[in-house]
Amino acid sequence: MKIDIDTALEGALSSMKESVDGDWNCLEAHAKKVLENNKAALSELALMRVRGEITADELKSELEDESDTLRAEMYAAQVITKAMAQNAANAVTDALMNAVKIAI
């Protein structure tokens, strides 16, 4: 029997796209949640500067602290990113295994 590798790889690519698209929805939701969780603090800092309650240097320092918080919360998404890579790899394996089954 002969295996059509081009068709198998097209199927793998399609499966990878689907797995990444689904995971992107999770990642996108996580990013929105992180921003929503920090919205009040960021907004308050901006308003404090506009009202003249803090200096530009104080705002910069506070935003650096907030940046650390945002970064830490976004690092939690690395688990999702690793899952995306695993799902993509599994999609390729599954597509090739199916192509082999068809060829046999």
C-alpha atoms as a PDB file:
ATOM      1  CA  MET A   1       0.000   0.000   0.000  1.00  0.00           C
ATOM      2  CA  LYS A   2       1.015   3.600  -0.519  1.00  0.00           C
ATOM      3  CA  ILE A   3       0.628   6.494   1.900  1.00  0.00           C
ATOM      4  CA  ASP A   4      -0.281   9.936   0.600  1.00  0.00           C
ATOM      5  CA  ILE A   5       1.995  12.000   2.837  1.00  0.00           C
ATOM      6  CA  ASP A   6       0.847  15.308   1.349  1.00  0.00           C
ATOM      7  CA  THR A   7      -2.761  14.574   2.248  1.00  0.00           C
ATOM      8  CA  ALA A   8      -1.694  13.311   5.676  1.00  0.00           C
ATOM      9  CA  LEU A   9       0.290  16.483   6.346  1.00  0.00           C
ATOM     10  CA  GLU A  10      -2.585  18.649   5.142  1.00  0.00           C
ATOM     11  CA  GLY A  11      -4.800  16.835   7.626  1.00  0.00           C
ATOM     12  CA  ALA A  12      -2.182  17.283  10.333  1.00  0.00           C
ATOM     13  CA  LEU A  13      -1.923  20.983   9.577  1.00  0.00           C
ATOM     14  CA  SER A  14      -5.682  21.346   9.721  1.00  0.00           C
ATOM     15  CA  SER A  15      -5.807  19.471  13.036  1.00  0.00           C
ATOM     16  CA  MET A  16      -3.011  21.628  14.442  1.00  0.00           C
ATOM     17  CA  LYS A  17      -4.839  24.796  13.458  1.00  0.00           C
ATOM     18  CA  GLU A  18      -8.002  23.571  15.110  1.00  0.00           C
ATOM     19  CA  SER A  19      -6.160  22.657  18.319  1.00  0.00           C
ATOM     20  CA  VAL A  20      -4.370  26.011  18.462  1.00  0.00           C
ATOM     21  CA  ASP A  21      -7.522  27.968  17.661  1.00  0.00           C
ATOM     22  CA  GLY A  22      -9.359  26.256  20.502  1.00  0.00           C
ATOM     23  CA  ASP A  23      -6.495  26.866  22.893  1.00  0.00           C
ATOM     24  CA  TRP A  24      -6.178  30.475  21.766  1.00  0.00           C
ATOM     25  CA  ASN A  25      -9.708  31.000  23.014  1.00  0.00           C
ATOM     26  CA  CYS A  26      -8.520  29.814  26.438  1.00  0.00           C
ATOM     27  CA  LEU A  27      -5.435  31.984  26.260  1.00  0.00           C
ATOM     28  CA  GLU A  28      -7.426  34.990  25.116  1.00  0.00           C
ATOM     29  CA  ALA A  29      -9.869  34.534  27.983  1.00  0.00           C
ATOM     30  CA  HIS A  30      -6.944  34.292  30.427  1.00  0.00           C
ATOM     31  CA  ALA A  31      -5.404  37.513  29.127  1.00  0.00           C
ATOM     32  CA  LYS A  32      -8.730  39.327  29.418  1.00  0.00           C
ATOM     33  CA  LYS A  33      -9.172  38.006  32.962  1.00  0.00           C
ATOM     34  CA  VAL A  34      -5.707  39.219  33.980  1.00  0.00           C
ATOM     35  CA  LEU A  35      -6.452  42.678  32.646  1.00  0.00           C
ATOM     36  CA  GLU A  36      -9.880  42.742  34.261  1.00  0.00           C
ATOM     37  CA  ASN A  37      -8.367  41.658  37.597  1.00  0.00           C
ATOM     38  CA  ASN A  38      -5.919  44.557  37.454  1.00  0.00           C
ATOM     39  CA  LYS A  39      -8.180  47.143  35.852  1.00  0.00           C
ATOM     40  CA  ALA A  40      -9.114  48.901  39.086  1.00  0.00           C
ATOM     41  CA  ALA A  41      -5.516  49.307  40.257  1.00  0.00           C
ATOM     42  CA  LEU A  42      -4.329  50.537  36.866  1.00  0.00           C
ATOM     43  CA  SER A  43      -7.254  52.917  36.560  1.00  0.00           C
ATOM     44  CA  GLU A  44      -6.689  54.319  40.044  1.00  0.00           C
ATOM     45  CA  LEU A  45      -3.015  54.963  39.316  1.00  0.00           C
ATOM     46  CA  ALA A  46      -3.889  56.820  36.127  1.00  0.00           C
ATOM     47  CA  LEU A  47      -6.521  58.905  37.910  1.00  0.00           C
ATOM     48  CA  MET A  48      -4.118  59.722  40.750  1.00  0.00           C
ATOM     49  CA  ARG A  49      -1.624  61.079  38.232  1.00  0.00           C
ATOM     50  CA  VAL A  50      -4.285  63.069  36.363  1.00  0.00           C
ATOM     51  CA  ARG A  51      -5.467  64.585  39.661  1.00  0.00           C
ATOM     52  CA  GLY A  52      -1.870  65.488  40.535  1.00  0.00           C
ATOM     53  CA  GLU A  53      -1.800  63.209  43.573  1.00  0.00           C
ATOM     54  CA  ILE A  54       1.369  61.453  42.398  1.00  0.00           C
ATOM     55  CA  THR A  55       4.295  62.566  40.264  1.00  0.00           C
ATOM     56  CA  ALA A  56       5.280  61.123  36.909  1.00  0.00           C
ATOM     57  CA  ASP A  57       8.167  59.308  38.598  1.00  0.00           C
ATOM     58  CA  GLU A  58       5.841  57.850  41.228  1.00  0.00           C
ATOM     59  CA  LEU A  59       3.465  56.703  38.504  1.00  0.00           C
ATOM     60  CA  LYS A  60       6.329  55.082  36.625  1.00  0.00           C
ATOM     61  CA  SER A  61       7.446  53.256  39.771  1.00  0.00           C
ATOM     62  CA  GLU A  62       3.913  52.079  40.554  1.00  0.00           C
ATOM     63  CA  LEU A  63       3.385  50.909  36.972  1.00  0.00           C
ATOM     64  CA  GLU A  64       6.621  48.925  37.138  1.00  0.00           C
ATOM     65  CA  ASP A  65       5.199  47.147  40.199  1.00  0.00           C
ATOM     66  CA  GLU A  66       1.918  46.535  38.372  1.00  0.00           C
ATOM     67  CA  SER A  67       3.871  45.236  35.392  1.00  0.00           C
ATOM     68  CA  ASP A  68       5.478  42.622  37.640  1.00  0.00           C
ATOM     69  CA  THR A  69       2.027  41.572  38.824  1.00  0.00           C
ATOM     70  CA  LEU A  70       0.676  41.355  35.272  1.00  0.00           C
ATOM     71  CA  ARG A  71       3.705  39.368  34.147  1.00  0.00           C
ATOM     72  CA  ALA A  72       3.323  36.905  37.025  1.00  0.00           C
ATOM     73  CA  GLU A  73      -0.346  36.377  36.223  1.00  0.00           C
ATOM     74  CA  MET A  74       0.376  35.918  32.519  1.00  0.00           C
ATOM     75  CA  TYR A  75       3.082  33.344  33.289  1.00  0.00           C
ATOM     76  CA  ALA A  76       0.244  31.101  34.409  1.00  0.00           C
ATOM     77  CA  ALA A  77      -0.670  30.969  30.711  1.00  0.00           C
ATOM     78  CA  GLN A  78       2.562  29.094  29.983  1.00  0.00           C
ATOM     79  CA  VAL A  79       0.769  25.922  31.004  1.00  0.00           C
ATOM     80  CA  ILE A  80      -1.760  26.637  28.281  1.00  0.00           C
ATOM     81  CA  THR A  81       1.029  27.350  25.806  1.00  0.00           C
ATOM     82  CA  LYS A  82       2.657  24.010  26.604  1.00  0.00           C
ATOM     83  CA  ALA A  83      -0.733  22.356  26.202  1.00  0.00           C
ATOM     84  CA  MET A  84      -1.084  24.039  22.809  1.00  0.00           C
ATOM     85  CA  ALA A  85       2.250  22.576  21.728  1.00  0.00           C
ATOM     86  CA  GLN A  86       1.273  19.144  23.000  1.00  0.00           C
ATOM     87  CA  ASN A  87      -2.113  19.302  21.249  1.00  0.00           C
ATOM     88  CA  ALA A  88      -0.451  20.325  18.002  1.00  0.00           C
ATOM     89  CA  ALA A  89       2.056  17.480  18.291  1.00  0.00           C
ATOM     90  CA  ASN A  90      -0.746  15.029  19.073  1.00  0.00           C
ATOM     91  CA  ALA A  91      -2.704  16.279  16.058  1.00  0.00           C
ATOM     92  CA  VAL A  92       0.228  15.512  13.766  1.00  0.00           C
ATOM     93  CA  THR A  93       0.701  12.063  15.295  1.00  0.00           C
ATOM     94  CA  ASP A  94      -3.011  11.268  15.039  1.00  0.00           C
ATOM     95  CA  ALA A  95      -3.224  12.439  11.426  1.00  0.00           C
ATOM     96  CA  LEU A  96      -0.217  10.354  10.407  1.00  0.00           C
ATOM     97  CA  MET A  97      -1.485   7.300  12.300  1.00  0.00           C
ATOM     98  CA  ASN A  98      -4.838   7.628  10.522  1.00  0.00           C
ATOM     99  CA  ALA A  99      -3.093   7.951   7.160  1.00  0.00           C
ATOM    100  CA  VAL A 100      -1.101   4.794   7.885  1.00  0.00           C
ATOM    101  CA  LYS A 101      -4.277   2.909   8.893  1.00  0.00           C
ATOM    102  CA  ILE A 102      -5.912   3.941   5.630  1.00  0.00           C
ATOM    103  CA  ALA A 103      -2.852   2.883   3.644  1.00  0.00           C
ATOM    104  CA  ILE A 104      -2.761  -0.530   5.328  1.00  0.00           C
END
